[in-house]
Amino acid sequence: MSNVDKSYLSGMRTLLYKLGPDLSRGIPLGFRDKWAIKQTSFMGLRIRLRDLCRLQSKLLENQLKRFPERNLCFFNIAGGAATDSINTLILIQESDPKLLKGRKIEINICDIDTYGPAFAKRCIDVLKQPGERFHGLDITLNIIPYDWSQSETLLQLSLERSGWIQLCSSEGGLFEYGSDSDIMDNLNHFFTHSPADARVTGSFIFDRAHVNPGYLGFTEFIGVQIRYLGLEGLQRILTQTSWVLEDFHEIETIYTLFTLKKA
């Protein structure tokens, strides 16, 4: 389910855990994955996805209504199967289908892994077929090899789409595994050429002193190297950038979802 190391939850493993035991029936799994998908700890992953998609769709709906002439672009860092970007588009379409018509829409998955992004591309291809949800929409999914420790690529990507509505997101990625300097560099590089109304959304985990104790043991068991950044950790990093915390909310003493805007 990944072509890179197992020190983090890959896009496809994360998708598997979001599906849960019922929807994952028939998929050949190892012992740890069989055990993991039955745990209530992963209910938080499903809530995280649901709430982030709701947050992003509400944010983008306001911009799409204000600027009907602008195209829409997602930069999804460590995006894996891009479930947050795809489901955000579904929510917008269900709310007001006119908002997506007549404009170019891009999902740019920036990831070192290729399995999750390849799966996401197949999903978009199917959803654009006649009779499917995205039929008739101008949606492109780009797979961009991306190491967040070499984040200069974001400079060029955002410059090429400078007139677009831009959303940079990382659900369960950069802010849950990246170092302070990695997070800072990615934020600063995205800031440089993105428009004034660009937003950053994502998730991070409570600090060790406040995170659900069961989650600590759980992540150690499945062998991932999670970072317990916490709100104070994010705010410390933001002092070295030109982004400010616009909104945040907590999920089950594990995850915090957030939105950043330009200062």
C-alpha atoms as a PDB file:
ATOM      1  CA  MET A   1       0.000   0.000   0.000  1.00  0.00           C
ATOM      2  CA  SER A   2       3.043   2.262  -0.193  1.00  0.00           C
ATOM      3  CA  ASN A   3       6.315   2.477  -2.080  1.00  0.00           C
ATOM      4  CA  VAL A   4       8.148   4.198   0.799  1.00  0.00           C
ATOM      5  CA  ASP A   5       9.006   3.345   4.409  1.00  0.00           C
ATOM      6  CA  LYS A   6       6.535   2.261   7.096  1.00  0.00           C
ATOM      7  CA  SER A   7       7.425   4.932   9.664  1.00  0.00           C
ATOM      8  CA  TYR A   8       4.239   6.809   8.839  1.00  0.00           C
ATOM      9  CA  LEU A   9       0.706   5.959   7.754  1.00  0.00           C
ATOM     10  CA  SER A  10       0.746   6.030   3.959  1.00  0.00           C
ATOM     11  CA  GLY A  11      -2.174   7.405   1.998  1.00  0.00           C
ATOM     12  CA  MET A  12      -3.572   3.954   1.283  1.00  0.00           C
ATOM     13  CA  ARG A  13      -3.205   2.674   4.853  1.00  0.00           C
ATOM     14  CA  THR A  14      -4.913   5.826   6.088  1.00  0.00           C
ATOM     15  CA  LEU A  15      -7.731   5.277   3.589  1.00  0.00           C
ATOM     16  CA  LEU A  16      -8.058   1.666   4.768  1.00  0.00           C
ATOM     17  CA  TYR A  17      -8.414   2.743   8.388  1.00  0.00           C
ATOM     18  CA  LYS A  18     -10.972   5.374   7.419  1.00  0.00           C
ATOM     19  CA  LEU A  19     -13.049   2.700   5.673  1.00  0.00           C
ATOM     20  CA  GLY A  20     -13.250   0.614   8.836  1.00  0.00           C
ATOM     21  CA  PRO A  21     -13.929  -3.128   9.208  1.00  0.00           C
ATOM     22  CA  ASP A  22     -17.133  -3.291   7.146  1.00  0.00           C
ATOM     23  CA  LEU A  23     -16.017  -1.477   3.986  1.00  0.00           C
ATOM     24  CA  SER A  24     -12.560  -3.106   4.047  1.00  0.00           C
ATOM     25  CA  ARG A  25     -13.874  -6.683   3.903  1.00  0.00           C
ATOM     26  CA  GLY A  26     -12.156  -8.771   1.259  1.00  0.00           C
ATOM     27  CA  ILE A  27      -8.917  -6.755   1.339  1.00  0.00           C
ATOM     28  CA  PRO A  28      -5.913  -8.972   2.277  1.00  0.00           C
ATOM     29  CA  LEU A  29      -4.395  -7.506   5.431  1.00  0.00           C
ATOM     30  CA  GLY A  30      -1.543  -8.186   7.814  1.00  0.00           C
ATOM     31  CA  PHE A  31      -2.114  -8.783  11.521  1.00  0.00           C
ATOM     32  CA  ARG A  32      -1.531  -5.170  12.604  1.00  0.00           C
ATOM     33  CA  ASP A  33      -3.879  -3.742  10.005  1.00  0.00           C
ATOM     34  CA  LYS A  34      -6.582  -6.301  10.831  1.00  0.00           C
ATOM     35  CA  TRP A  35      -6.312  -5.286  14.473  1.00  0.00           C
ATOM     36  CA  ALA A  36      -6.054  -1.562  13.780  1.00  0.00           C
ATOM     37  CA  ILE A  37      -9.184  -1.154  11.649  1.00  0.00           C
ATOM     38  CA  LYS A  38     -11.306  -2.538  14.497  1.00  0.00           C
ATOM     39  CA  GLN A  39     -10.065   0.004  17.038  1.00  0.00           C
ATOM     40  CA  THR A  40     -12.218   2.924  18.127  1.00  0.00           C
ATOM     41  CA  SER A  41      -9.093   5.120  17.953  1.00  0.00           C
ATOM     42  CA  PHE A  42      -9.526   5.242  14.192  1.00  0.00           C
ATOM     43  CA  MET A  43     -13.017   6.673  14.475  1.00  0.00           C
ATOM     44  CA  GLY A  44     -11.085   9.904  14.976  1.00  0.00           C
ATOM     45  CA  LEU A  45      -9.624   9.533  11.465  1.00  0.00           C
ATOM     46  CA  ARG A  46     -13.107   9.408   9.979  1.00  0.00           C
ATOM     47  CA  ILE A  47     -14.251  12.405  11.999  1.00  0.00           C
ATOM     48  CA  ARG A  48     -11.062  14.243  11.024  1.00  0.00           C
ATOM     49  CA  LEU A  49     -11.769  13.709   7.336  1.00  0.00           C
ATOM     50  CA  ARG A  50     -15.445  14.632   7.653  1.00  0.00           C
ATOM     51  CA  ASP A  51     -14.804  17.818   9.601  1.00  0.00           C
ATOM     52  CA  LEU A  52     -11.899  18.962   7.419  1.00  0.00           C
ATOM     53  CA  CYS A  53     -13.989  18.516   4.268  1.00  0.00           C
ATOM     54  CA  ARG A  54     -16.813  20.532   5.820  1.00  0.00           C
ATOM     55  CA  LEU A  55     -14.362  23.257   6.839  1.00  0.00           C
ATOM     56  CA  GLN A  56     -12.764  23.398   3.379  1.00  0.00           C
ATOM     57  CA  SER A  57     -16.040  23.331   1.470  1.00  0.00           C
ATOM     58  CA  LYS A  58     -17.480  26.207   3.497  1.00  0.00           C
ATOM     59  CA  LEU A  59     -14.285  28.225   3.025  1.00  0.00           C
ATOM     60  CA  LEU A  60     -14.154  27.605  -0.717  1.00  0.00           C
ATOM     61  CA  GLU A  61     -17.861  28.144  -1.324  1.00  0.00           C
ATOM     62  CA  ASN A  62     -17.510  31.725  -0.104  1.00  0.00           C
ATOM     63  CA  GLN A  63     -14.578  32.365  -2.468  1.00  0.00           C
ATOM     64  CA  LEU A  64     -16.219  30.628  -5.427  1.00  0.00           C
ATOM     65  CA  LYS A  65     -19.333  32.757  -5.032  1.00  0.00           C
ATOM     66  CA  ARG A  66     -17.300  35.963  -4.830  1.00  0.00           C
ATOM     67  CA  PHE A  67     -15.053  35.143  -7.784  1.00  0.00           C
ATOM     68  CA  PRO A  68     -16.947  33.185 -10.472  1.00  0.00           C
ATOM     69  CA  GLU A  69     -14.216  33.965 -13.011  1.00  0.00           C
ATOM     70  CA  ARG A  70     -11.340  32.400 -11.063  1.00  0.00           C
ATOM     71  CA  ASN A  71     -10.144  28.806 -11.365  1.00  0.00           C
ATOM     72  CA  LEU A  72      -9.693  26.586  -8.310  1.00  0.00           C
ATOM     73  CA  CYS A  73      -6.499  24.868  -7.242  1.00  0.00           C
ATOM     74  CA  PHE A  74      -5.682  22.444  -4.407  1.00  0.00           C
ATOM     75  CA  PHE A  75      -2.106  21.818  -3.286  1.00  0.00           C
ATOM     76  CA  ASN A  76      -2.327  18.682  -1.143  1.00  0.00           C
ATOM     77  CA  ILE A  77       0.965  18.073   0.677  1.00  0.00           C
ATOM     78  CA  ALA A  78       1.528  14.380   1.458  1.00  0.00           C
ATOM     79  CA  GLY A  79      -1.943  14.075  -0.042  1.00  0.00           C
ATOM     80  CA  GLY A  80      -1.991  10.314  -0.544  1.00  0.00           C
ATOM     81  CA  ALA A  81      -5.383   9.361  -1.971  1.00  0.00           C
ATOM     82  CA  ALA A  82      -6.544  13.009  -1.705  1.00  0.00           C
ATOM     83  CA  THR A  83      -9.724  12.014   0.116  1.00  0.00           C
ATOM     84  CA  ASP A  84     -10.058  15.478   1.662  1.00  0.00           C
ATOM     85  CA  SER A  85      -9.778  17.319  -1.678  1.00  0.00           C
ATOM     86  CA  ILE A  86     -12.115  14.955  -3.536  1.00  0.00           C
ATOM     87  CA  ASN A  87     -14.755  14.911  -0.814  1.00  0.00           C
ATOM     88  CA  THR A  88     -14.542  18.689  -0.446  1.00  0.00           C
ATOM     89  CA  LEU A  89     -15.478  18.984  -4.126  1.00  0.00           C
ATOM     90  CA  ILE A  90     -18.355  16.551  -3.570  1.00  0.00           C
ATOM     91  CA  LEU A  91     -19.694  18.667  -0.705  1.00  0.00           C
ATOM     92  CA  ILE A  92     -19.470  21.853  -2.789  1.00  0.00           C
ATOM     93  CA  GLN A  93     -21.257  20.168  -5.669  1.00  0.00           C
ATOM     94  CA  GLU A  94     -24.028  18.941  -3.371  1.00  0.00           C
ATOM     95  CA  SER A  95     -24.430  22.413  -1.891  1.00  0.00           C
ATOM     96  CA  ASP A  96     -24.355  24.428  -5.137  1.00  0.00           C
ATOM     97  CA  PRO A  97     -23.388  22.603  -8.382  1.00  0.00           C
ATOM     98  CA  LYS A  98     -23.092  25.881 -10.297  1.00  0.00           C
ATOM     99  CA  LEU A  99     -20.033  26.864  -8.297  1.00  0.00           C
ATOM    100  CA  LEU A 100     -17.847  24.241  -9.988  1.00  0.00           C
ATOM    101  CA  LYS A 101     -19.100  24.611 -13.548  1.00  0.00           C
ATOM    102  CA  GLY A 102     -17.267  26.704 -16.134  1.00  0.00           C
ATOM    103  CA  ARG A 103     -13.930  26.880 -14.335  1.00  0.00           C
ATOM    104  CA  LYS A 104     -10.767  24.803 -14.273  1.00  0.00           C
ATOM    105  CA  ILE A 105     -10.240  22.749 -11.142  1.00  0.00           C
ATOM    106  CA  GLU A 106      -6.920  21.158 -10.195  1.00  0.00           C
ATOM    107  CA  ILE A 107      -5.968  18.762  -7.434  1.00  0.00           C
ATOM    108  CA  ASN A 108      -2.179  18.721  -7.156  1.00  0.00           C
ATOM    109  CA  ILE A 109      -1.028  15.853  -4.938  1.00  0.00           C
ATOM    110  CA  CYS A 110       2.486  16.608  -3.680  1.00  0.00           C
ATOM    111  CA  ASP A 111       3.857  13.351  -2.247  1.00  0.00           C
ATOM    112  CA  ILE A 112       6.883  11.047  -2.245  1.00  0.00           C
ATOM    113  CA  ASP A 113       4.495   8.085  -2.281  1.00  0.00           C
ATOM    114  CA  THR A 114       2.923   7.091  -5.605  1.00  0.00           C
ATOM    115  CA  TYR A 115       0.384   4.420  -4.595  1.00  0.00           C
ATOM    116  CA  GLY A 116      -2.134   6.762  -2.954  1.00  0.00           C
ATOM    117  CA  PRO A 117      -1.973   9.446  -5.665  1.00  0.00           C
ATOM    118  CA  ALA A 118      -2.345   6.807  -8.409  1.00  0.00           C
ATOM    119  CA  PHE A 119      -5.483   5.531  -6.676  1.00  0.00           C
ATOM    120  CA  ALA A 120      -6.822   9.094  -6.416  1.00  0.00           C
ATOM    121  CA  LYS A 121      -6.249   9.641 -10.137  1.00  0.00           C
ATOM    122  CA  ARG A 122      -8.235   6.510 -10.975  1.00  0.00           C
ATOM    123  CA  CYS A 123     -11.047   7.748  -8.713  1.00  0.00           C
ATOM    124  CA  ILE A 124     -11.203  11.089 -10.541  1.00  0.00           C
ATOM    125  CA  ASP A 125     -11.154   9.339 -13.918  1.00  0.00           C
ATOM    126  CA  VAL A 126     -14.141   7.221 -12.881  1.00  0.00           C
ATOM    127  CA  LEU A 127     -16.026  10.154 -11.339  1.00  0.00           C
ATOM    128  CA  LYS A 128     -15.723  12.087 -14.623  1.00  0.00           C
ATOM    129  CA  GLN A 129     -17.377   9.349 -16.668  1.00  0.00           C
ATOM    130  CA  PRO A 130     -20.901   9.874 -18.089  1.00  0.00           C
ATOM    131  CA  GLY A 131     -23.495   9.449 -15.386  1.00  0.00           C
ATOM    132  CA  GLU A 132     -20.974   9.935 -12.573  1.00  0.00           C
ATOM    133  CA  ARG A 133     -20.736  12.813 -10.115  1.00  0.00           C
ATOM    134  CA  PHE A 134     -18.046  14.909 -11.839  1.00  0.00           C
ATOM    135  CA  HIS A 135     -19.146  14.358 -15.434  1.00  0.00           C
ATOM    136  CA  GLY A 136     -18.894  17.604 -17.408  1.00  0.00           C
ATOM    137  CA  LEU A 137     -16.551  19.289 -14.928  1.00  0.00           C
ATOM    138  CA  ASP A 138     -13.048  20.398 -15.920  1.00  0.00           C
ATOM    139  CA  ILE A 139     -11.150  18.582 -13.148  1.00  0.00           C
ATOM    140  CA  THR A 140      -7.495  17.576 -13.457  1.00  0.00           C
ATOM    141  CA  LEU A 141      -5.523  15.590 -10.895  1.00  0.00           C
ATOM    142  CA  ASN A 142      -1.744  16.035 -11.072  1.00  0.00           C
ATOM    143  CA  ILE A 143       0.728  13.777  -9.276  1.00  0.00           C
ATOM    144  CA  ILE A 144       3.796  15.783  -8.275  1.00  0.00           C
ATOM    145  CA  PRO A 145       6.823  13.975  -6.759  1.00  0.00           C
ATOM    146  CA  TYR A 146       7.433  16.047  -3.645  1.00  0.00           C
ATOM    147  CA  ASP A 147       9.719  15.849  -0.628  1.00  0.00           C
ATOM    148  CA  TRP A 148       8.564  18.423   1.907  1.00  0.00           C
ATOM    149  CA  SER A 149      12.154  18.939   3.044  1.00  0.00           C
ATOM    150  CA  GLN A 150      12.772  20.411  -0.439  1.00  0.00           C
ATOM    151  CA  SER A 151       9.736  22.647  -0.621  1.00  0.00           C
ATOM    152  CA  GLU A 152      10.906  25.084  -3.322  1.00  0.00           C
ATOM    153  CA  THR A 153       8.562  23.329  -5.763  1.00  0.00           C
ATOM    154  CA  LEU A 154       5.650  25.116  -4.065  1.00  0.00           C
ATOM    155  CA  LEU A 155       7.083  28.454  -5.186  1.00  0.00           C
ATOM    156  CA  GLN A 156       6.767  27.592  -8.860  1.00  0.00           C
ATOM    157  CA  LEU A 157       3.452  25.768  -8.529  1.00  0.00           C
ATOM    158  CA  SER A 158       1.699  28.656  -6.804  1.00  0.00           C
ATOM    159  CA  LEU A 159       3.265  31.207  -9.175  1.00  0.00           C
ATOM    160  CA  GLU A 160       1.930  29.337 -12.224  1.00  0.00           C
ATOM    161  CA  ARG A 161      -1.579  29.554 -10.731  1.00  0.00           C
ATOM    162  CA  SER A 162      -1.277  33.028  -9.233  1.00  0.00           C
ATOM    163  CA  GLY A 163      -4.740  34.134 -10.383  1.00  0.00           C
ATOM    164  CA  TRP A 164      -6.479  31.032  -9.075  1.00  0.00           C
ATOM    165  CA  ILE A 165      -8.266  30.412  -5.799  1.00  0.00           C
ATOM    166  CA  GLN A 166      -5.624  28.428  -3.910  1.00  0.00           C
ATOM    167  CA  LEU A 167      -5.984  26.038  -0.984  1.00  0.00           C
ATOM    168  CA  CYS A 168      -2.937  24.261   0.460  1.00  0.00           C
ATOM    169  CA  SER A 169      -3.877  21.354   2.715  1.00  0.00           C
ATOM    170  CA  SER A 170      -2.209  18.530   4.603  1.00  0.00           C
ATOM    171  CA  GLU A 171      -4.512  16.130   6.412  1.00  0.00           C
ATOM    172  CA  GLY A 172      -2.442  13.740   8.516  1.00  0.00           C
ATOM    173  CA  GLY A 173       0.778  14.743   6.761  1.00  0.00           C
ATOM    174  CA  LEU A 174       3.161  17.661   7.137  1.00  0.00           C
ATOM    175  CA  PHE A 175       1.923  18.864  10.531  1.00  0.00           C
ATOM    176  CA  GLU A 176       1.845  15.347  11.999  1.00  0.00           C
ATOM    177  CA  TYR A 177       5.279  14.192  10.808  1.00  0.00           C
ATOM    178  CA  GLY A 178       7.298  17.186   9.597  1.00  0.00           C
ATOM    179  CA  SER A 179       9.948  19.042  11.606  1.00  0.00           C
ATOM    180  CA  ASP A 180       9.588  22.689  12.632  1.00  0.00           C
ATOM    181  CA  SER A 181      11.873  23.744   9.781  1.00  0.00           C
ATOM    182  CA  ASP A 182       9.987  21.619   7.232  1.00  0.00           C
ATOM    183  CA  ILE A 183       6.643  23.123   8.247  1.00  0.00           C
ATOM    184  CA  MET A 184       8.090  26.636   8.298  1.00  0.00           C
ATOM    185  CA  ASP A 185       9.704  26.311   4.860  1.00  0.00           C
ATOM    186  CA  ASN A 186       6.550  24.917   3.244  1.00  0.00           C
ATOM    187  CA  LEU A 187       4.411  27.704   4.706  1.00  0.00           C
ATOM    188  CA  ASN A 188       6.867  30.401   3.677  1.00  0.00           C
ATOM    189  CA  HIS A 189       7.274  29.070   0.141  1.00  0.00           C
ATOM    190  CA  PHE A 190       3.513  28.796  -0.354  1.00  0.00           C
ATOM    191  CA  PHE A 191       3.092  32.333   0.982  1.00  0.00           C
ATOM    192  CA  THR A 192       5.435  33.918  -1.578  1.00  0.00           C
ATOM    193  CA  HIS A 193       3.341  33.623  -4.758  1.00  0.00           C
ATOM    194  CA  SER A 194      -0.099  32.600  -3.512  1.00  0.00           C
ATOM    195  CA  PRO A 195      -2.925  35.178  -3.696  1.00  0.00           C
ATOM    196  CA  ALA A 196      -3.939  37.309  -0.708  1.00  0.00           C
ATOM    197  CA  ASP A 197      -6.992  35.122  -0.018  1.00  0.00           C
ATOM    198  CA  ALA A 198      -5.067  31.820  -0.097  1.00  0.00           C
ATOM    199  CA  ARG A 199      -5.644  29.477   2.817  1.00  0.00           C
ATOM    200  CA  VAL A 200      -3.793  26.625   4.496  1.00  0.00           C
ATOM    201  CA  THR A 201      -5.775  23.854   6.188  1.00  0.00           C
ATOM    202  CA  GLY A 202      -4.719  20.685   7.937  1.00  0.00           C
ATOM    203  CA  SER A 203      -4.511  18.614  11.073  1.00  0.00           C
ATOM    204  CA  PHE A 204      -2.041  18.164  13.894  1.00  0.00           C
ATOM    205  CA  ILE A 205      -2.016  16.031  17.032  1.00  0.00           C
ATOM    206  CA  PHE A 206      -2.270  17.203  20.645  1.00  0.00           C
ATOM    207  CA  ASP A 207       1.008  17.503  22.532  1.00  0.00           C
ATOM    208  CA  ARG A 208       2.071  14.477  24.583  1.00  0.00           C
ATOM    209  CA  ALA A 209       0.845  15.959  27.848  1.00  0.00           C
ATOM    210  CA  HIS A 210      -2.744  16.274  26.604  1.00  0.00           C
ATOM    211  CA  VAL A 211      -3.248  13.659  23.893  1.00  0.00           C
ATOM    212  CA  ASN A 212      -5.518  10.677  24.563  1.00  0.00           C
ATOM    213  CA  PRO A 213      -3.203   8.168  26.361  1.00  0.00           C
ATOM    214  CA  GLY A 214      -4.604   5.263  24.361  1.00  0.00           C
ATOM    215  CA  TYR A 215      -3.460   6.941  21.169  1.00  0.00           C
ATOM    216  CA  LEU A 216       0.151   7.009  22.358  1.00  0.00           C
ATOM    217  CA  GLY A 217       0.260   3.248  22.825  1.00  0.00           C
ATOM    218  CA  PHE A 218      -1.693   2.647  19.663  1.00  0.00           C
ATOM    219  CA  THR A 219       0.708   4.546  17.385  1.00  0.00           C
ATOM    220  CA  GLU A 220       3.673   2.804  18.979  1.00  0.00           C
ATOM    221  CA  PHE A 221       2.054  -0.573  18.305  1.00  0.00           C
ATOM    222  CA  ILE A 222       1.477   0.072  14.601  1.00  0.00           C
ATOM    223  CA  GLY A 223       5.011   1.466  14.287  1.00  0.00           C
ATOM    224  CA  VAL A 224       4.493   5.024  13.023  1.00  0.00           C
ATOM    225  CA  GLN A 225       6.586   8.002  14.127  1.00  0.00           C
ATOM    226  CA  ILE A 226       3.867  10.521  14.896  1.00  0.00           C
ATOM    227  CA  ARG A 227       4.719  14.057  15.964  1.00  0.00           C
ATOM    228  CA  TYR A 228       2.770  15.481  18.913  1.00  0.00           C
ATOM    229  CA  LEU A 229       2.919  19.105  17.824  1.00  0.00           C
ATOM    230  CA  GLY A 230       0.071  20.608  19.833  1.00  0.00           C
ATOM    231  CA  LEU A 231      -1.436  24.058  19.475  1.00  0.00           C
ATOM    232  CA  GLU A 232       1.467  25.794  21.207  1.00  0.00           C
ATOM    233  CA  GLY A 233       3.871  24.062  18.831  1.00  0.00           C
ATOM    234  CA  LEU A 234       1.981  25.304  15.775  1.00  0.00           C
ATOM    235  CA  GLN A 235       1.745  28.839  17.166  1.00  0.00           C
ATOM    236  CA  ARG A 236       5.502  28.825  17.840  1.00  0.00           C
ATOM    237  CA  ILE A 237       6.174  27.910  14.215  1.00  0.00           C
ATOM    238  CA  LEU A 238       3.760  30.557  12.919  1.00  0.00           C
ATOM    239  CA  THR A 239       5.798  33.310  14.569  1.00  0.00           C
ATOM    240  CA  GLN A 240       8.480  32.524  11.968  1.00  0.00           C
ATOM    241  CA  THR A 241       6.033  32.905   9.070  1.00  0.00           C
ATOM    242  CA  SER A 242       3.548  35.458   7.734  1.00  0.00           C
ATOM    243  CA  TRP A 243       0.565  33.172   8.398  1.00  0.00           C
ATOM    244  CA  VAL A 244      -1.828  33.530  11.324  1.00  0.00           C
ATOM    245  CA  LEU A 245      -4.245  31.059  12.871  1.00  0.00           C
ATOM    246  CA  GLU A 246      -7.725  31.842  11.556  1.00  0.00           C
ATOM    247  CA  ASP A 247      -9.719  29.003  13.118  1.00  0.00           C
ATOM    248  CA  PHE A 248      -9.285  25.637  14.833  1.00  0.00           C
ATOM    249  CA  HIS A 249     -11.280  22.936  16.585  1.00  0.00           C
ATOM    250  CA  GLU A 250     -10.407  19.752  18.448  1.00  0.00           C
ATOM    251  CA  ILE A 251     -11.432  16.141  17.851  1.00  0.00           C
ATOM    252  CA  GLU A 252     -11.540  13.583  20.665  1.00  0.00           C
ATOM    253  CA  THR A 253      -8.391  14.819  22.471  1.00  0.00           C
ATOM    254  CA  ILE A 254      -6.318  13.578  19.542  1.00  0.00           C
ATOM    255  CA  TYR A 255      -6.545  15.860  16.511  1.00  0.00           C
ATOM    256  CA  THR A 256      -6.864  19.589  15.970  1.00  0.00           C
ATOM    257  CA  LEU A 257      -8.075  20.919  12.614  1.00  0.00           C
ATOM    258  CA  PHE A 258      -7.059  24.430  11.636  1.00  0.00           C
ATOM    259  CA  THR A 259      -7.160  27.159   9.010  1.00  0.00           C
ATOM    260  CA  LEU A 260      -4.373  29.666   8.373  1.00  0.00           C
ATOM    261  CA  LYS A 261      -4.708  32.963   6.530  1.00  0.00           C
ATOM    262  CA  LYS A 262      -2.179  35.558   5.462  1.00  0.00           C
ATOM    263  CA  ALA A 263      -1.338  38.151   8.100  1.00  0.00           C
END
